[in-house]
Protein backbone atom coordinates (compact mmCIF):
# COMPACT_ATOMS: atom_id res chain seq x y z
CA MET A 1 50.14 64.22 33.61
CA SER A 2 50.18 67.75 35.17
CA LYS A 3 49.36 68.25 39.21
CA ILE A 4 49.55 71.59 41.10
CA ILE A 5 52.41 72.71 42.65
CA PHE A 6 52.10 75.29 45.84
CA ASP A 7 54.97 77.64 45.94
CA LEU A 8 54.68 79.64 49.27
CA ASN A 9 57.83 80.85 50.17
CA ASP A 10 56.55 83.39 51.43
CA THR A 11 55.49 85.13 54.68
CA GLU A 12 52.30 86.59 55.59
CA GLY A 13 50.57 88.26 58.98
CA LYS A 14 46.58 88.61 59.22
CA ILE A 15 44.88 89.35 56.66
CA LYS A 16 42.32 92.25 56.94
CA ILE A 17 40.39 93.03 54.20
CA PRO A 18 39.99 96.55 53.71
CA ASP A 19 36.97 98.01 54.68
CA GLU A 20 35.75 100.26 51.16
CA LEU A 21 35.90 97.55 48.44
CA ILE A 22 36.32 99.50 44.99
CA PHE A 23 35.54 96.79 42.65
CA GLY A 24 38.62 94.87 41.25
CA ARG A 25 41.09 97.32 42.88
CA THR A 26 41.77 95.10 45.56
CA PHE A 27 44.07 91.24 45.25
CA THR A 28 44.42 88.03 47.17
CA THR A 29 48.15 87.20 48.11
CA HIS A 30 48.43 84.21 46.17
CA LEU A 31 46.84 83.38 42.12
CA LEU A 32 47.46 80.50 40.05
CA GLU A 33 49.41 80.09 37.64
CA MET A 34 50.03 77.81 34.54
CA ASP A 35 51.90 77.41 31.13
CA TYR A 36 51.52 76.08 28.11
CA ILE A 37 54.17 75.04 26.07
CA ALA A 38 53.77 73.07 22.56
CA SER A 39 57.21 71.88 22.32
CA GLU A 40 56.81 70.09 25.53
CA GLY A 41 53.63 68.68 25.18
CA GLY A 42 50.88 70.75 25.96
CA TRP A 43 50.21 72.05 29.53
CA GLN A 44 52.61 71.80 32.25
CA ASP A 45 51.58 71.78 36.64
CA ALA A 46 49.83 74.66 38.07
CA VAL A 47 51.54 76.95 40.49
CA ILE A 48 50.07 78.23 43.32
CA LYS A 49 52.37 81.37 44.43
CA LYS A 50 52.51 84.76 45.25
CA HIS A 51 50.61 87.43 43.65
CA SER A 52 53.50 89.13 41.73
CA ALA A 53 54.67 90.72 38.08
CA LEU A 54 54.67 88.83 34.94
CA ASN A 55 58.02 88.13 32.92
CA LEU A 56 56.93 88.94 29.82
CA SER A 57 58.25 89.63 26.63
CA PRO A 58 57.61 93.05 24.89
CA ALA A 59 57.14 91.00 21.30
CA ALA A 60 54.62 88.60 23.56
CA LEU A 61 51.54 87.99 20.57
CA VAL A 62 49.08 88.81 22.98
CA ILE A 63 50.22 92.32 23.22
CA HIS A 64 49.92 92.76 19.35
CA TYR A 65 47.43 90.65 18.25
CA GLY A 66 45.09 89.98 21.06
CA GLN A 67 44.95 86.65 21.48
CA SER A 68 43.32 86.59 24.96
CA ILE A 69 39.86 85.69 26.42
CA PHE A 70 38.98 85.36 30.43
CA GLU A 71 35.79 84.91 32.68
CA GLY A 72 34.31 86.14 35.68
CA MET A 73 32.95 84.19 38.33
CA LYS A 74 32.22 84.58 42.20
CA ALA A 75 32.43 82.74 45.37
CA TYR A 76 30.01 83.27 48.40
CA LYS A 77 30.46 83.22 51.91
CA LEU A 78 27.06 81.48 53.55
CA THR A 79 24.97 82.17 56.05
CA ASN A 80 26.58 78.88 58.10
CA GLY A 81 30.11 80.12 57.06
CA GLU A 82 30.83 77.88 54.77
CA THR A 83 31.79 79.21 50.85
CA SER A 84 30.54 78.63 47.97
CA LEU A 85 31.08 78.82 43.81
CA PHE A 86 28.36 80.28 41.79
CA ARG A 87 28.16 77.65 38.63
CA PRO A 88 31.82 77.52 38.10
CA ARG A 89 32.02 74.74 35.61
CA LYS A 90 29.61 77.06 33.04
CA ASN A 91 32.07 79.92 33.14
CA PHE A 92 34.84 77.44 32.14
CA GLU A 93 33.21 75.48 29.88
CA ARG A 94 32.90 78.88 28.25
CA LEU A 95 35.84 79.58 28.35
CA ASN A 96 36.82 76.84 25.92
CA LYS A 97 34.42 77.69 23.77
CA SER A 98 36.44 81.04 23.50
CA ALA A 99 39.40 79.26 23.33
CA GLU A 100 38.46 77.31 20.32
CA ARG A 101 36.94 80.18 18.12
CA MET A 102 40.04 82.29 19.39
CA CYS A 103 42.68 79.61 18.53
CA ILE A 104 43.79 79.06 22.11
CA PRO A 105 44.60 75.39 23.87
CA LYS A 106 41.29 74.41 25.90
CA ILE A 107 42.08 74.03 29.55
CA ASP A 108 40.97 70.59 31.10
CA ILE A 109 38.15 72.27 33.18
CA ASP A 110 38.31 69.18 36.26
CA PHE A 111 41.82 69.82 36.85
CA VAL A 112 41.32 73.66 36.57
CA MET A 113 38.45 73.45 39.15
CA ASN A 114 40.97 71.59 41.12
CA GLY A 115 43.20 74.04 41.37
CA LEU A 116 40.67 77.11 41.82
CA MET A 117 39.03 74.89 44.47
CA GLU A 118 43.30 74.56 46.25
CA LEU A 119 43.41 78.36 45.85
CA ILE A 120 40.38 79.26 47.03
CA LYS A 121 40.84 77.62 50.70
CA LEU A 122 44.62 78.83 50.97
CA GLU A 123 42.86 82.44 50.57
CA LYS A 124 40.05 81.45 52.98
CA ASP A 125 40.35 84.48 54.94
CA TRP A 126 40.26 87.10 51.77
CA VAL A 127 36.19 86.07 50.93
CA PRO A 128 33.96 88.77 52.83
CA ASP A 129 31.61 88.01 55.25
CA LYS A 130 29.66 91.39 54.78
CA PRO A 131 26.24 91.33 53.17
CA ASN A 132 26.63 91.32 49.45
CA HIS A 133 30.38 90.99 49.57
CA SER A 134 31.70 88.17 47.52
CA LEU A 135 35.13 86.97 45.89
CA TYR A 136 35.45 87.87 42.27
CA ILE A 137 37.59 84.94 40.57
CA ARG A 138 39.08 86.18 37.23
CA PRO A 139 40.75 83.39 35.19
CA PHE A 140 42.29 84.71 32.04
CA LEU A 141 44.42 83.02 28.90
CA PHE A 142 46.29 84.70 26.87
CA ALA A 143 49.37 84.00 23.87
CA THR A 144 53.11 84.76 25.58
CA ASP A 145 55.53 83.63 21.97
CA PRO A 146 57.89 86.98 22.01
CA PHE A 147 57.20 86.96 17.78
CA ILE A 148 55.94 89.75 15.88
CA GLY A 149 53.79 88.23 12.94
CA VAL A 150 49.98 87.36 12.96
CA LYS A 151 49.23 83.53 14.29
CA PRO A 152 48.27 82.10 16.86
CA GLY A 153 50.50 80.67 19.47
CA ASP A 154 52.42 77.96 20.10
CA ASN A 155 52.74 78.66 24.48
CA TYR A 156 49.68 80.29 26.84
CA LYS A 157 49.84 81.66 30.48
CA PHE A 158 46.70 80.42 32.16
CA ILE A 159 46.35 82.63 35.68
CA ILE A 160 43.88 83.33 38.39
CA LEU A 161 43.17 86.11 40.10
CA LEU A 162 41.36 86.49 42.98
CA SER A 163 39.52 89.65 44.40
CA PRO A 164 37.75 90.73 47.35
CA VAL A 165 34.47 92.78 46.07
CA GLY A 166 31.86 94.43 47.29
CA PRO A 167 27.95 95.48 46.70
CA TYR A 168 28.06 96.40 42.67
CA TYR A 169 25.86 99.36 44.21
CA PRO A 170 27.07 100.78 47.56
CA GLU A 171 24.00 102.76 48.04
CA GLY A 172 21.50 100.12 47.27
CA PHE A 173 20.04 98.11 44.54
CA LYS A 174 19.41 101.82 42.24
CA PRO A 175 18.12 101.84 38.57
CA VAL A 176 20.79 103.00 36.16
CA PRO A 177 20.24 104.81 33.19
CA ILE A 178 21.63 103.60 29.22
CA ILE A 179 21.53 104.78 26.23
CA VAL A 180 20.97 102.50 22.46
CA THR A 181 23.68 103.24 20.05
CA ASP A 182 23.31 103.40 16.45
CA LYS A 183 26.85 105.00 15.76
CA TYR A 184 28.81 102.31 16.85
CA VAL A 185 28.49 98.53 16.67
CA ARG A 186 30.32 95.69 19.23
CA ALA A 187 29.66 92.53 16.80
CA VAL A 188 28.70 91.47 13.58
CA ARG A 189 27.72 87.92 12.84
CA GLY A 190 31.04 85.68 11.48
CA GLY A 191 32.98 87.64 14.20
CA VAL A 192 34.08 87.03 17.95
CA GLY A 193 30.91 88.82 19.94
CA GLU A 194 30.39 85.12 21.30
CA CYS A 195 33.07 85.31 22.89
CA LYS A 196 34.85 86.69 26.35
CA THR A 197 38.12 88.50 24.61
CA ALA A 198 39.37 91.06 25.22
CA GLY A 199 39.81 93.02 21.99
CA ASN A 200 35.50 93.16 22.13
CA TYR A 201 35.88 95.16 25.58
CA ALA A 202 38.77 97.36 24.29
CA ALA A 203 36.40 97.85 21.39
CA SER A 204 33.49 99.23 23.36
CA LEU A 205 35.43 101.97 25.37
CA TYR A 206 34.71 104.90 23.22
CA ALA A 207 31.02 104.25 22.95
CA GLN A 208 31.15 103.80 26.51
CA LYS A 209 33.07 107.47 26.91
CA GLU A 210 30.50 109.31 24.51
CA ALA A 211 27.70 107.85 26.94
CA ILE A 212 28.93 109.04 30.29
CA LYS A 213 29.34 112.54 28.79
CA GLU A 214 25.41 112.19 28.61
CA GLY A 215 24.90 111.22 31.86
CA TYR A 216 24.46 107.63 30.98
CA THR A 217 25.74 104.45 32.73
CA GLN A 218 26.31 102.37 29.96
CA VAL A 219 25.60 101.14 26.04
CA LEU A 220 22.79 99.26 24.87
CA TYR A 221 24.40 98.35 20.67
CA LEU A 222 21.90 96.86 18.31
CA ASP A 223 22.83 94.67 15.67
CA ALA A 224 25.52 95.66 12.94
CA LEU A 225 23.94 94.48 9.74
CA GLU A 226 20.53 96.64 10.03
CA GLN A 227 20.96 98.64 13.55
CA LYS A 228 17.40 97.60 14.43
CA TYR A 229 17.69 94.82 16.81
CA ILE A 230 19.05 95.23 20.16
CA GLU A 231 21.66 93.03 21.39
CA GLU A 232 23.61 93.66 24.59
CA VAL A 233 24.95 95.84 26.86
CA GLY A 234 28.60 96.33 26.95
CA THR A 235 28.88 94.36 30.36
CA MET A 236 25.06 92.89 30.28
CA ASN A 237 22.57 91.07 28.86
CA MET A 238 18.94 92.75 27.97
CA PHE A 239 15.55 91.43 29.14
CA VAL A 240 12.54 93.60 28.39
CA GLN A 241 9.02 92.57 30.54
CA PHE A 242 6.37 92.93 28.32
CA LYS A 243 2.97 92.58 30.07
CA ASP A 244 2.42 89.73 28.61
CA GLU A 245 6.18 88.52 27.77
CA VAL A 246 10.00 88.54 29.23
CA ALA A 247 12.23 88.65 26.51
CA THR A 248 15.57 88.28 25.62
CA PRO A 249 17.11 88.77 22.33
CA LYS A 250 18.49 84.92 21.20
CA LEU A 251 22.09 83.50 20.73
CA SER A 252 22.75 84.03 17.10
CA GLY A 253 26.83 84.36 17.66
CA THR A 254 26.99 88.26 18.20
CA ILE A 255 26.33 88.42 21.83
CA LEU A 256 28.18 86.50 24.99
CA PRO A 257 26.33 83.62 26.32
CA GLY A 258 25.59 85.07 30.05
CA ILE A 259 25.68 82.66 32.52
CA THR A 260 23.35 85.05 34.86
CA ARG A 261 21.33 85.42 31.52
CA MET A 262 21.02 81.33 31.58
CA SER A 263 20.07 81.27 35.06
CA VAL A 264 17.07 83.94 34.89
CA LEU A 265 15.96 82.27 31.93
CA GLU A 266 15.83 79.21 34.01
CA ILE A 267 14.11 80.83 37.09
CA LEU A 268 11.45 82.49 35.22
CA ARG A 269 10.35 79.49 33.03
CA ASP A 270 10.61 77.59 36.53
CA TRP A 271 8.15 80.62 37.76
CA ASN A 272 5.93 79.90 34.85
CA TYR A 273 6.47 83.25 33.26
CA ASN A 274 5.94 83.70 29.02
CA VAL A 275 9.64 83.80 28.28
CA THR A 276 11.26 83.94 25.11
CA GLU A 277 14.79 84.30 23.40
CA ARG A 278 13.59 85.73 20.23
CA ASP A 279 14.75 89.57 17.97
CA ILE A 280 13.44 92.31 19.72
CA SER A 281 13.81 95.51 17.80
CA ILE A 282 14.47 99.06 19.08
CA HIS A 283 11.39 100.52 17.01
CA GLU A 284 8.83 97.88 19.08
CA ILE A 285 10.94 98.84 22.42
CA CYS A 286 9.72 102.82 21.31
CA GLU A 287 6.44 101.62 20.39
CA SER A 288 5.59 99.00 22.93
CA TYR A 289 6.51 101.67 25.55
CA ASP A 290 4.30 104.35 23.68
CA LYS A 291 1.25 102.09 24.42
CA GLY A 292 1.84 101.10 27.67
CA ASN A 293 3.06 98.06 27.37
CA ILE A 294 6.40 97.88 28.97
CA VAL A 295 6.88 97.14 32.19
CA GLU A 296 10.54 97.43 32.90
CA LEU A 297 13.61 96.70 30.82
CA PHE A 298 16.56 94.72 33.06
CA GLY A 299 20.46 93.53 32.67
CA THR A 300 21.73 90.49 33.98
CA GLY A 301 25.64 89.90 34.78
CA THR A 302 28.15 88.41 36.95
CA ALA A 303 29.10 91.73 38.59
CA ALA A 304 25.85 93.26 39.30
CA VAL A 305 23.58 90.12 39.34
CA ILE A 306 20.54 92.77 38.30
CA SER A 307 20.71 95.54 36.32
CA SER A 308 17.17 97.79 36.60
CA ILE A 309 17.32 99.99 34.24
CA SER A 310 15.43 103.45 34.81
CA LYS A 311 15.57 105.12 31.47
CA LEU A 312 16.71 104.10 27.74
CA LYS A 313 17.61 106.75 25.31
CA TYR A 314 17.38 106.18 21.75
CA ASN A 315 18.35 109.18 19.45
CA GLU A 316 15.92 111.69 20.78
CA LYS A 317 13.43 109.51 22.47
CA ILE A 318 13.90 108.89 25.97
CA LEU A 319 11.88 106.10 27.67
CA THR A 320 11.85 107.01 31.14
CA PHE A 321 10.80 104.13 34.79
CA SER A 322 11.75 105.17 37.82
CA SER A 323 14.92 106.38 38.92
CA GLU A 324 14.54 105.90 42.59
CA HIS A 325 13.08 102.13 42.50
CA ALA A 326 14.56 98.95 40.45
CA GLY A 327 11.43 97.29 39.00
CA GLU A 328 9.34 94.54 40.47
CA LEU A 329 10.27 91.84 38.45
CA GLY A 330 13.88 92.90 39.17
CA ILE A 331 13.58 92.95 42.32
CA LYS A 332 12.46 90.12 42.38
CA LEU A 333 14.97 87.90 40.41
CA TYR A 334 17.81 90.01 42.64
CA ASN A 335 16.68 88.40 45.83
CA GLU A 336 16.09 84.95 44.25
CA LEU A 337 19.68 84.63 43.00
CA THR A 338 21.62 86.26 45.97
CA ASP A 339 19.40 84.25 48.07
CA ILE A 340 20.57 81.20 46.59
CA GLN A 341 24.43 82.83 46.08
CA TYR A 342 24.60 83.42 49.96
CA GLY A 343 22.80 80.22 50.60
CA ARG A 344 19.69 81.60 52.11
CA LYS A 345 17.25 79.80 49.81
CA GLU A 346 17.39 76.27 49.03
CA ASP A 347 19.49 75.42 45.88
CA LYS A 348 16.68 73.27 43.91
CA PHE A 349 18.60 73.82 40.74
CA ASN A 350 22.13 72.41 41.84
CA TRP A 351 23.92 75.79 41.38
CA MET A 352 26.60 76.24 43.97
CA THR A 353 29.62 74.33 44.69
CA LEU A 354 30.60 73.52 47.87
CA VAL A 355 34.73 74.66 48.57
CA LYS A 356 36.00 72.03 50.73
């Protein structure tokens, strides 16, 4: 039976969180690390220890063949001073689904949840209490075997990093411009598009680089077979609000089943919106826009929660919305989610898990 070991042979003074937090640049003092060793029966004890460099062979399978998966979630300082997590079990369930597809051993969710709680309790002073700040949580899992050859690993490392972060939009909830690509694809049917695996993000970098050159923040991908149906942005699931419907691409194995996406669908149904998960063609979006039947576009994800779209470019056509003000539904959803996450509103969905 695995257990959690504390290796805290370090002395720390008073923690001071930087005044300006750039997403993903600041890390807490400690992390959780756990090894899977096939020859020793699988998962070993988890160790909570000082954040330090990894001792990894240059022949490690992950470096050469990309057997790596990860998750992203957040902890929030509630209005009463307590700390709470937003739907963490859903993230670990998704991690295990990615693990199965990538031939990586699954984690014991109850054990890892307990380890995460112990880590956050130890690092409680790192949870920001400023408005719209949070503690970003990055669990990841990768193959460590020193072996050059294409095969699933026998040995793995699971780590949880913690990183205090500021608001995704420091200057306020501003809409972002998105470009649609029919030059590159993100995932194909039967591939690993529904997995949160490192290679999916590496494959998106070149298209992202080209988009930024054109003045766009992110890329919206189309399906790989017909280059017709919208799928997802590299870091967000997409929603389209038509006059009589709020639609999002269905989960068909090529897009990530987002936890925020899931939550938005539950909220919209609770609000009695006409919500559908279906194929949405880029041509339908363009034609509906021309007819005045599109109200707004927005994306959903852990980092930004809701991202309102200011304009959408597809080939030579540009669909323009407000560049100054987020859409009404996007703002309403953002406020609803963040009010629940920070304890400003009743958690009637039972999404929050208190750290205690």
